[in-house]
Amino acid sequence: MSIDVITPQWPAPANVGAAISLRSGGCSSAPFDQSNLALHVQDQPETVLANRHSLAESLKLPAQPLWLDQVHGTDIIYAPGVYAPESADTPRADGSYSDQAGVACVVLTADCLPVLFCDRAGTQVAAAHAGWRGLCGGILRKTVATFKQSPDQLLAYLGPAIGPQVFEVGGEVLQAFLDQAQNPQQQQAINAAFSAQRSAEGKYLADLYALARAELSASGVSQIYGGDYCSYSDSERFYSYRREPKTGRNGSLIWLRG
């Protein structure tokens, strides 16, 4: 068994490994078929662990990634500081970073936006889980702040998330983002990322990718890649909570090679 993956196309240093798992290749049964990596979605635990083992093996990782208990928050943890592959305790956070080889950072998503980071020197990596709440709350700017290198030396990759043609939200989401904007330029970009719909409810279509780019740009990051998938529309490759509330999770991983 081998979990199928996408390799991000970005100019990361040669010692930075990155991958995004797809639905195919694992052993989970419907509705989690086939490569669910999440333990909290009512899939069989032994099946999830088998999928995780297969993923680590196929990527030639020296050990399991640091799996997180994600809560749509903004906490970022130092992966080597809590890493214990055999521990039953899963740290509660929505992102992690590492400057040590062999410790893989990973976030799980099914419509939320996974963002992978590295510096141009290849000395640090990070992974962040950015649903709209975490993104609005500042998880990306907090991840940027964990790097010793200046933001203009960082690269960011936007993984598969729900696309702007289908991500419907209320006006309170737009206002929440505007309230947290770091400068007038970001406010302008936020307004442009919300398209008004012709509906009595006053709903908007929101572009998570554009919102992430605006946040990263305001935080000083200019090298931004990816952002061209839609987890909701691409049921063959990606899980989507909005499409199927009972479903699995894709994993986005990044690590420093030894």
C-alpha atoms as a PDB file:
ATOM      1  CA  MET A   1       0.000   0.000   0.000  1.00  0.00           C
ATOM      2  CA  SER A   2       1.305   3.440  -0.926  1.00  0.00           C
ATOM      3  CA  ILE A   3      -0.430   6.754  -0.273  1.00  0.00           C
ATOM      4  CA  ASP A   4      -0.554   8.945  -3.376  1.00  0.00           C
ATOM      5  CA  VAL A   5       0.794  12.487  -2.969  1.00  0.00           C
ATOM      6  CA  ILE A   6       1.257  15.795  -4.752  1.00  0.00           C
ATOM      7  CA  THR A   7       4.723  17.338  -4.586  1.00  0.00           C
ATOM      8  CA  PRO A   8       4.415  21.140  -4.296  1.00  0.00           C
ATOM      9  CA  GLN A   9       5.939  23.030  -7.207  1.00  0.00           C
ATOM     10  CA  TRP A  10       7.914  25.851  -5.637  1.00  0.00           C
ATOM     11  CA  PRO A  11      11.595  26.868  -5.492  1.00  0.00           C
ATOM     12  CA  ALA A  12      12.261  25.441  -2.031  1.00  0.00           C
ATOM     13  CA  PRO A  13      15.863  24.504  -1.137  1.00  0.00           C
ATOM     14  CA  ALA A  14      16.949  20.963  -2.013  1.00  0.00           C
ATOM     15  CA  ASN A  15      17.020  19.901   1.641  1.00  0.00           C
ATOM     16  CA  VAL A  16      13.335  20.781   2.161  1.00  0.00           C
ATOM     17  CA  GLY A  17      10.861  17.961   1.593  1.00  0.00           C
ATOM     18  CA  ALA A  18       7.150  18.639   1.121  1.00  0.00           C
ATOM     19  CA  ALA A  19       4.115  16.588   0.109  1.00  0.00           C
ATOM     20  CA  ILE A  20       0.311  16.715   0.120  1.00  0.00           C
ATOM     21  CA  SER A  21      -1.536  13.432   0.466  1.00  0.00           C
ATOM     22  CA  LEU A  22      -4.407  12.511  -1.862  1.00  0.00           C
ATOM     23  CA  ARG A  23      -7.466  10.358  -1.239  1.00  0.00           C
ATOM     24  CA  SER A  24      -6.098   7.431  -3.242  1.00  0.00           C
ATOM     25  CA  GLY A  25      -3.783   4.638  -2.174  1.00  0.00           C
ATOM     26  CA  GLY A  26      -4.854   3.937   1.419  1.00  0.00           C
ATOM     27  CA  CYS A  27      -7.046   1.339   3.094  1.00  0.00           C
ATOM     28  CA  SER A  28      -9.947   3.331   4.603  1.00  0.00           C
ATOM     29  CA  SER A  29     -13.476   2.304   3.624  1.00  0.00           C
ATOM     30  CA  ALA A  30     -16.257   4.657   2.499  1.00  0.00           C
ATOM     31  CA  PRO A  31     -17.001   7.413   3.320  1.00  0.00           C
ATOM     32  CA  PHE A  32     -13.333   7.854   4.310  1.00  0.00           C
ATOM     33  CA  ASP A  33     -11.940   6.133   1.246  1.00  0.00           C
ATOM     34  CA  GLN A  34      -9.109   5.640   0.845  1.00  0.00           C
ATOM     35  CA  SER A  35      -6.301   7.561   2.496  1.00  0.00           C
ATOM     36  CA  ASN A  36      -7.870   9.276   5.498  1.00  0.00           C
ATOM     37  CA  LEU A  37      -5.200  10.435   7.965  1.00  0.00           C
ATOM     38  CA  ALA A  38      -7.445  11.765  10.752  1.00  0.00           C
ATOM     39  CA  LEU A  39      -8.284   9.876  13.944  1.00  0.00           C
ATOM     40  CA  HIS A  40     -11.143  12.190  15.000  1.00  0.00           C
ATOM     41  CA  VAL A  41     -13.600  11.541  12.129  1.00  0.00           C
ATOM     42  CA  GLN A  42     -14.952   8.102  13.212  1.00  0.00           C
ATOM     43  CA  ASP A  43     -12.782   6.102  10.838  1.00  0.00           C
ATOM     44  CA  GLN A  44     -11.303   2.878  12.255  1.00  0.00           C
ATOM     45  CA  PRO A  45      -8.216   3.876  14.309  1.00  0.00           C
ATOM     46  CA  GLU A  46      -6.149   0.911  13.123  1.00  0.00           C
ATOM     47  CA  THR A  47      -6.892   1.861   9.510  1.00  0.00           C
ATOM     48  CA  VAL A  48      -5.868   5.479  10.067  1.00  0.00           C
ATOM     49  CA  LEU A  49      -2.632   4.384  11.734  1.00  0.00           C
ATOM     50  CA  ALA A  50      -1.926   2.054   8.804  1.00  0.00           C
ATOM     51  CA  ASN A  51      -2.441   4.965   6.397  1.00  0.00           C
ATOM     52  CA  ARG A  52      -0.115   7.161   8.444  1.00  0.00           C
ATOM     53  CA  HIS A  53       2.535   4.458   8.505  1.00  0.00           C
ATOM     54  CA  SER A  54       2.235   3.971   4.760  1.00  0.00           C
ATOM     55  CA  LEU A  55       2.576   7.714   4.138  1.00  0.00           C
ATOM     56  CA  ALA A  56       5.711   8.034   6.273  1.00  0.00           C
ATOM     57  CA  GLU A  57       7.187   4.976   4.582  1.00  0.00           C
ATOM     58  CA  SER A  58       6.429   6.142   1.051  1.00  0.00           C
ATOM     59  CA  LEU A  59       7.968   9.565   1.774  1.00  0.00           C
ATOM     60  CA  LYS A  60      10.998   7.879   3.399  1.00  0.00           C
ATOM     61  CA  LEU A  61      10.512   9.821   6.625  1.00  0.00           C
ATOM     62  CA  PRO A  62      12.691   8.586   9.497  1.00  0.00           C
ATOM     63  CA  ALA A  63       9.690   8.696  11.861  1.00  0.00           C
ATOM     64  CA  GLN A  64       6.035   9.693  12.030  1.00  0.00           C
ATOM     65  CA  PRO A  65       5.249  13.402  11.532  1.00  0.00           C
ATOM     66  CA  LEU A  66       4.113  15.483  14.500  1.00  0.00           C
ATOM     67  CA  TRP A  67       0.340  14.996  14.308  1.00  0.00           C
ATOM     68  CA  LEU A  68      -1.722  17.733  15.956  1.00  0.00           C
ATOM     69  CA  ASP A  69      -5.091  18.090  17.672  1.00  0.00           C
ATOM     70  CA  GLN A  70      -6.333  20.995  15.547  1.00  0.00           C
ATOM     71  CA  VAL A  71      -8.960  23.322  17.005  1.00  0.00           C
ATOM     72  CA  HIS A  72      -9.188  26.202  14.473  1.00  0.00           C
ATOM     73  CA  GLY A  73      -6.981  28.297  16.727  1.00  0.00           C
ATOM     74  CA  THR A  74      -3.711  30.162  16.248  1.00  0.00           C
ATOM     75  CA  ASP A  75      -1.229  28.262  18.423  1.00  0.00           C
ATOM     76  CA  ILE A  76       2.050  27.289  16.710  1.00  0.00           C
ATOM     77  CA  ILE A  77       4.363  24.880  18.518  1.00  0.00           C
ATOM     78  CA  TYR A  78       8.028  24.007  18.154  1.00  0.00           C
ATOM     79  CA  ALA A  79       7.898  20.448  16.830  1.00  0.00           C
ATOM     80  CA  PRO A  80      11.229  19.131  18.150  1.00  0.00           C
ATOM     81  CA  GLY A  81      10.333  20.464  21.588  1.00  0.00           C
ATOM     82  CA  VAL A  82       7.301  18.185  21.942  1.00  0.00           C
ATOM     83  CA  TYR A  83       8.084  15.413  19.471  1.00  0.00           C
ATOM     84  CA  ALA A  84       7.486  11.917  20.844  1.00  0.00           C
ATOM     85  CA  PRO A  85       6.500   9.472  18.085  1.00  0.00           C
ATOM     86  CA  GLU A  86       5.239   6.784  20.476  1.00  0.00           C
ATOM     87  CA  SER A  87       3.333   9.140  22.760  1.00  0.00           C
ATOM     88  CA  ALA A  88      -0.435   8.808  23.053  1.00  0.00           C
ATOM     89  CA  ASP A  89      -0.699  12.549  23.751  1.00  0.00           C
ATOM     90  CA  THR A  90      -1.382  14.651  20.668  1.00  0.00           C
ATOM     91  CA  PRO A  91      -0.423  18.301  21.166  1.00  0.00           C
ATOM     92  CA  ARG A  92      -3.266  20.790  20.702  1.00  0.00           C
ATOM     93  CA  ALA A  93      -2.240  23.372  18.113  1.00  0.00           C
ATOM     94  CA  ASP A  94      -2.948  24.449  14.552  1.00  0.00           C
ATOM     95  CA  GLY A  95       0.608  24.627  13.329  1.00  0.00           C
ATOM     96  CA  SER A  96       4.157  23.610  14.054  1.00  0.00           C
ATOM     97  CA  TYR A  97       7.676  24.555  13.030  1.00  0.00           C
ATOM     98  CA  SER A  98      11.030  22.806  13.027  1.00  0.00           C
ATOM     99  CA  ASP A  99      14.710  23.598  12.534  1.00  0.00           C
ATOM    100  CA  GLN A 100      15.797  19.996  13.037  1.00  0.00           C
ATOM    101  CA  ALA A 101      16.211  17.414  10.279  1.00  0.00           C
ATOM    102  CA  GLY A 102      13.837  14.459  10.275  1.00  0.00           C
ATOM    103  CA  VAL A 103      10.981  16.066  12.243  1.00  0.00           C
ATOM    104  CA  ALA A 104       8.076  16.508   9.835  1.00  0.00           C
ATOM    105  CA  CYS A 105       5.402  19.139  10.441  1.00  0.00           C
ATOM    106  CA  VAL A 106       1.912  18.234   9.213  1.00  0.00           C
ATOM    107  CA  VAL A 107      -1.602  19.693   9.194  1.00  0.00           C
ATOM    108  CA  LEU A 108      -4.839  17.954   8.222  1.00  0.00           C
ATOM    109  CA  THR A 109      -7.508  19.637   6.097  1.00  0.00           C
ATOM    110  CA  ALA A 110     -10.793  19.057   4.286  1.00  0.00           C
ATOM    111  CA  ASP A 111     -11.572  22.547   2.865  1.00  0.00           C
ATOM    112  CA  CYS A 112      -9.466  24.610   5.275  1.00  0.00           C
ATOM    113  CA  LEU A 113      -6.239  26.014   3.844  1.00  0.00           C
ATOM    114  CA  PRO A 114      -2.918  24.283   4.599  1.00  0.00           C
ATOM    115  CA  VAL A 115       0.100  26.584   4.291  1.00  0.00           C
ATOM    116  CA  LEU A 116       3.671  25.291   4.152  1.00  0.00           C
ATOM    117  CA  PHE A 117       6.650  27.535   4.891  1.00  0.00           C
ATOM    118  CA  CYS A 118      10.417  27.404   4.563  1.00  0.00           C
ATOM    119  CA  ASP A 119      13.253  29.897   4.432  1.00  0.00           C
ATOM    120  CA  ARG A 120      15.498  30.333   1.408  1.00  0.00           C
ATOM    121  CA  ALA A 121      18.477  29.010   3.358  1.00  0.00           C
ATOM    122  CA  GLY A 122      16.706  25.751   4.205  1.00  0.00           C
ATOM    123  CA  THR A 123      17.163  26.111   7.954  1.00  0.00           C
ATOM    124  CA  GLN A 124      13.525  26.054   9.105  1.00  0.00           C
ATOM    125  CA  VAL A 125      10.127  24.787   7.973  1.00  0.00           C
ATOM    126  CA  ALA A 126       6.559  25.204   9.238  1.00  0.00           C
ATOM    127  CA  ALA A 127       3.027  24.047   8.505  1.00  0.00           C
ATOM    128  CA  ALA A 128      -0.143  25.962   9.419  1.00  0.00           C
ATOM    129  CA  HIS A 129      -3.837  25.009   9.377  1.00  0.00           C
ATOM    130  CA  ALA A 130      -5.673  28.104   8.172  1.00  0.00           C
ATOM    131  CA  GLY A 131      -9.416  27.827   8.058  1.00  0.00           C
ATOM    132  CA  TRP A 132     -11.099  31.204   7.900  1.00  0.00           C
ATOM    133  CA  ARG A 133     -11.124  31.527  11.703  1.00  0.00           C
ATOM    134  CA  GLY A 134      -7.434  30.781  12.100  1.00  0.00           C
ATOM    135  CA  LEU A 135      -6.539  32.890   9.086  1.00  0.00           C
ATOM    136  CA  CYS A 136      -8.550  35.809  10.427  1.00  0.00           C
ATOM    137  CA  GLY A 137      -7.097  35.275  13.903  1.00  0.00           C
ATOM    138  CA  GLY A 138      -3.530  35.673  12.666  1.00  0.00           C
ATOM    139  CA  ILE A 139      -2.138  32.148  12.436  1.00  0.00           C
ATOM    140  CA  LEU A 140      -0.095  32.966   9.331  1.00  0.00           C
ATOM    141  CA  ARG A 141       1.503  36.103  10.781  1.00  0.00           C
ATOM    142  CA  LYS A 142       2.277  34.124  13.936  1.00  0.00           C
ATOM    143  CA  THR A 143       3.908  31.393  11.849  1.00  0.00           C
ATOM    144  CA  VAL A 144       6.023  33.965  10.004  1.00  0.00           C
ATOM    145  CA  ALA A 145       7.129  35.321  13.401  1.00  0.00           C
ATOM    146  CA  THR A 146       8.597  31.922  14.390  1.00  0.00           C
ATOM    147  CA  PHE A 147      11.293  32.236  11.729  1.00  0.00           C
ATOM    148  CA  LYS A 148      14.710  33.631  12.591  1.00  0.00           C
ATOM    149  CA  GLN A 149      15.060  34.813   9.004  1.00  0.00           C
ATOM    150  CA  SER A 150      13.301  38.006   7.929  1.00  0.00           C
ATOM    151  CA  PRO A 151       9.939  37.610   6.129  1.00  0.00           C
ATOM    152  CA  ASP A 152      11.456  38.587   2.770  1.00  0.00           C
ATOM    153  CA  GLN A 153      13.591  35.424   2.999  1.00  0.00           C
ATOM    154  CA  LEU A 154      10.576  33.109   3.376  1.00  0.00           C
ATOM    155  CA  LEU A 155       8.619  31.025   0.888  1.00  0.00           C
ATOM    156  CA  ALA A 156       4.986  30.005   1.398  1.00  0.00           C
ATOM    157  CA  TYR A 157       2.981  27.341  -0.409  1.00  0.00           C
ATOM    158  CA  LEU A 158      -0.826  27.363  -0.376  1.00  0.00           C
ATOM    159  CA  GLY A 159      -2.201  23.819  -0.472  1.00  0.00           C
ATOM    160  CA  PRO A 160      -5.648  22.533  -1.490  1.00  0.00           C
ATOM    161  CA  ALA A 161      -8.613  24.395   0.037  1.00  0.00           C
ATOM    162  CA  ILE A 162     -12.215  25.143  -0.833  1.00  0.00           C
ATOM    163  CA  GLY A 163     -12.275  27.353  -3.914  1.00  0.00           C
ATOM    164  CA  PRO A 164     -13.664  30.879  -4.303  1.00  0.00           C
ATOM    165  CA  GLN A 165     -16.512  29.719  -6.539  1.00  0.00           C
ATOM    166  CA  VAL A 166     -18.150  27.714  -3.718  1.00  0.00           C
ATOM    167  CA  PHE A 167     -17.011  29.055  -0.325  1.00  0.00           C
ATOM    168  CA  GLU A 168     -20.107  30.881   0.909  1.00  0.00           C
ATOM    169  CA  VAL A 169     -19.926  32.945   4.118  1.00  0.00           C
ATOM    170  CA  GLY A 170     -21.883  35.682   5.852  1.00  0.00           C
ATOM    171  CA  GLY A 171     -21.100  39.371   6.051  1.00  0.00           C
ATOM    172  CA  GLU A 172     -19.751  38.944   9.587  1.00  0.00           C
ATOM    173  CA  VAL A 173     -16.799  37.011   8.163  1.00  0.00           C
ATOM    174  CA  LEU A 174     -15.894  39.910   5.871  1.00  0.00           C
ATOM    175  CA  GLN A 175     -16.106  42.329   8.807  1.00  0.00           C
ATOM    176  CA  ALA A 176     -13.966  40.076  10.998  1.00  0.00           C
ATOM    177  CA  PHE A 177     -11.197  40.080   8.391  1.00  0.00           C
ATOM    178  CA  LEU A 178     -11.406  43.844   7.910  1.00  0.00           C
ATOM    179  CA  ASP A 179     -11.139  44.352  11.673  1.00  0.00           C
ATOM    180  CA  GLN A 180      -7.890  42.363  11.776  1.00  0.00           C
ATOM    181  CA  ALA A 181      -6.217  43.906   8.703  1.00  0.00           C
ATOM    182  CA  GLN A 182      -2.636  45.066   9.267  1.00  0.00           C
ATOM    183  CA  ASN A 183      -2.762  48.039   6.871  1.00  0.00           C
ATOM    184  CA  PRO A 184      -5.034  49.814   4.328  1.00  0.00           C
ATOM    185  CA  GLN A 185      -3.578  47.778   1.462  1.00  0.00           C
ATOM    186  CA  GLN A 186      -4.643  44.562   3.165  1.00  0.00           C
ATOM    187  CA  GLN A 187      -8.117  45.979   3.768  1.00  0.00           C
ATOM    188  CA  GLN A 188      -8.406  46.686   0.058  1.00  0.00           C
ATOM    189  CA  ALA A 189      -7.288  43.149  -0.795  1.00  0.00           C
ATOM    190  CA  ILE A 190      -9.777  41.705   1.710  1.00  0.00           C
ATOM    191  CA  ASN A 191     -12.664  43.597   0.143  1.00  0.00           C
ATOM    192  CA  ALA A 192     -11.617  42.310  -3.279  1.00  0.00           C
ATOM    193  CA  ALA A 193     -11.567  38.708  -1.951  1.00  0.00           C
ATOM    194  CA  PHE A 194     -15.290  38.787  -1.130  1.00  0.00           C
ATOM    195  CA  SER A 195     -17.800  38.630  -3.998  1.00  0.00           C
ATOM    196  CA  ALA A 196     -21.387  39.603  -3.198  1.00  0.00           C
ATOM    197  CA  GLN A 197     -24.019  37.095  -4.266  1.00  0.00           C
ATOM    198  CA  ARG A 198     -27.510  37.901  -5.439  1.00  0.00           C
ATOM    199  CA  SER A 199     -29.350  36.364  -2.494  1.00  0.00           C
ATOM    200  CA  ALA A 200     -31.731  37.569   0.152  1.00  0.00           C
ATOM    201  CA  GLU A 201     -29.398  36.313   2.874  1.00  0.00           C
ATOM    202  CA  GLY A 202     -26.620  38.701   1.849  1.00  0.00           C
ATOM    203  CA  LYS A 203     -24.043  35.935   1.579  1.00  0.00           C
ATOM    204  CA  TYR A 204     -20.604  36.325   0.021  1.00  0.00           C
ATOM    205  CA  LEU A 205     -18.286  34.045  -1.891  1.00  0.00           C
ATOM    206  CA  ALA A 206     -14.891  34.270  -0.178  1.00  0.00           C
ATOM    207  CA  ASP A 207     -11.485  33.542  -1.714  1.00  0.00           C
ATOM    208  CA  LEU A 208      -9.351  31.892   0.988  1.00  0.00           C
ATOM    209  CA  TYR A 209      -6.320  31.925  -1.278  1.00  0.00           C
ATOM    210  CA  ALA A 210      -6.589  35.675  -1.873  1.00  0.00           C
ATOM    211  CA  LEU A 211      -7.099  36.285   1.842  1.00  0.00           C
ATOM    212  CA  ALA A 212      -3.996  34.238   2.661  1.00  0.00           C
ATOM    213  CA  ARG A 213      -1.929  36.078   0.043  1.00  0.00           C
ATOM    214  CA  ALA A 214      -3.074  39.400   1.490  1.00  0.00           C
ATOM    215  CA  GLU A 215      -2.154  38.310   5.021  1.00  0.00           C
ATOM    216  CA  LEU A 216       1.236  36.985   3.960  1.00  0.00           C
ATOM    217  CA  SER A 217       2.007  40.095   1.936  1.00  0.00           C
ATOM    218  CA  ALA A 218       1.080  42.318   4.882  1.00  0.00           C
ATOM    219  CA  SER A 219       3.422  40.190   7.005  1.00  0.00           C
ATOM    220  CA  GLY A 220       6.319  40.799   4.609  1.00  0.00           C
ATOM    221  CA  VAL A 221       6.232  37.522   2.641  1.00  0.00           C
ATOM    222  CA  SER A 222       6.328  38.061  -1.129  1.00  0.00           C
ATOM    223  CA  GLN A 223       7.281  34.582  -2.391  1.00  0.00           C
ATOM    224  CA  ILE A 224       3.884  32.850  -2.381  1.00  0.00           C
ATOM    225  CA  TYR A 225       3.103  29.764  -4.461  1.00  0.00           C
ATOM    226  CA  GLY A 226       0.265  27.280  -4.993  1.00  0.00           C
ATOM    227  CA  GLY A 227      -3.361  28.176  -4.443  1.00  0.00           C
ATOM    228  CA  ASP A 228      -4.802  26.589  -7.567  1.00  0.00           C
ATOM    229  CA  TYR A 229      -6.904  23.693  -6.223  1.00  0.00           C
ATOM    230  CA  CYS A 230     -10.487  23.353  -5.009  1.00  0.00           C
ATOM    231  CA  SER A 231     -11.065  20.642  -2.420  1.00  0.00           C
ATOM    232  CA  TYR A 232     -14.849  20.925  -2.758  1.00  0.00           C
ATOM    233  CA  SER A 233     -14.932  20.441  -6.528  1.00  0.00           C
ATOM    234  CA  ASP A 234     -12.196  17.797  -6.823  1.00  0.00           C
ATOM    235  CA  SER A 235     -13.773  14.820  -5.031  1.00  0.00           C
ATOM    236  CA  GLU A 236     -11.374  12.336  -6.636  1.00  0.00           C
ATOM    237  CA  ARG A 237      -8.291  13.796  -4.960  1.00  0.00           C
ATOM    238  CA  PHE A 238      -9.465  15.749  -1.928  1.00  0.00           C
ATOM    239  CA  TYR A 239     -11.778  15.426   1.058  1.00  0.00           C
ATOM    240  CA  SER A 240     -14.303  18.212   1.622  1.00  0.00           C
ATOM    241  CA  TYR A 241     -16.266  18.764   4.824  1.00  0.00           C
ATOM    242  CA  ARG A 242     -18.720  21.076   3.075  1.00  0.00           C
ATOM    243  CA  ARG A 243     -19.360  18.491   0.385  1.00  0.00           C
ATOM    244  CA  GLU A 244     -19.576  15.518   2.781  1.00  0.00           C
ATOM    245  CA  PRO A 245     -19.682  16.299   6.524  1.00  0.00           C
ATOM    246  CA  LYS A 246     -18.635  12.727   7.339  1.00  0.00           C
ATOM    247  CA  THR A 247     -15.344  12.424   5.496  1.00  0.00           C
ATOM    248  CA  GLY A 248     -11.586  12.062   5.877  1.00  0.00           C
ATOM    249  CA  ARG A 249      -8.676  14.488   5.886  1.00  0.00           C
ATOM    250  CA  ASN A 250      -5.755  15.145   3.548  1.00  0.00           C
ATOM    251  CA  GLY A 251      -2.342  15.815   5.042  1.00  0.00           C
ATOM    252  CA  SER A 252       0.128  18.569   4.079  1.00  0.00           C
ATOM    253  CA  LEU A 253       3.662  17.864   5.282  1.00  0.00           C
ATOM    254  CA  ILE A 254       7.022  19.613   5.273  1.00  0.00           C
ATOM    255  CA  TRP A 255      10.371  18.607   6.749  1.00  0.00           C
ATOM    256  CA  LEU A 256      14.126  19.172   6.608  1.00  0.00           C
ATOM    257  CA  ARG A 257      16.064  16.293   5.111  1.00  0.00           C
ATOM    258  CA  GLY A 258      19.107  15.027   6.996  1.00  0.00           C
END
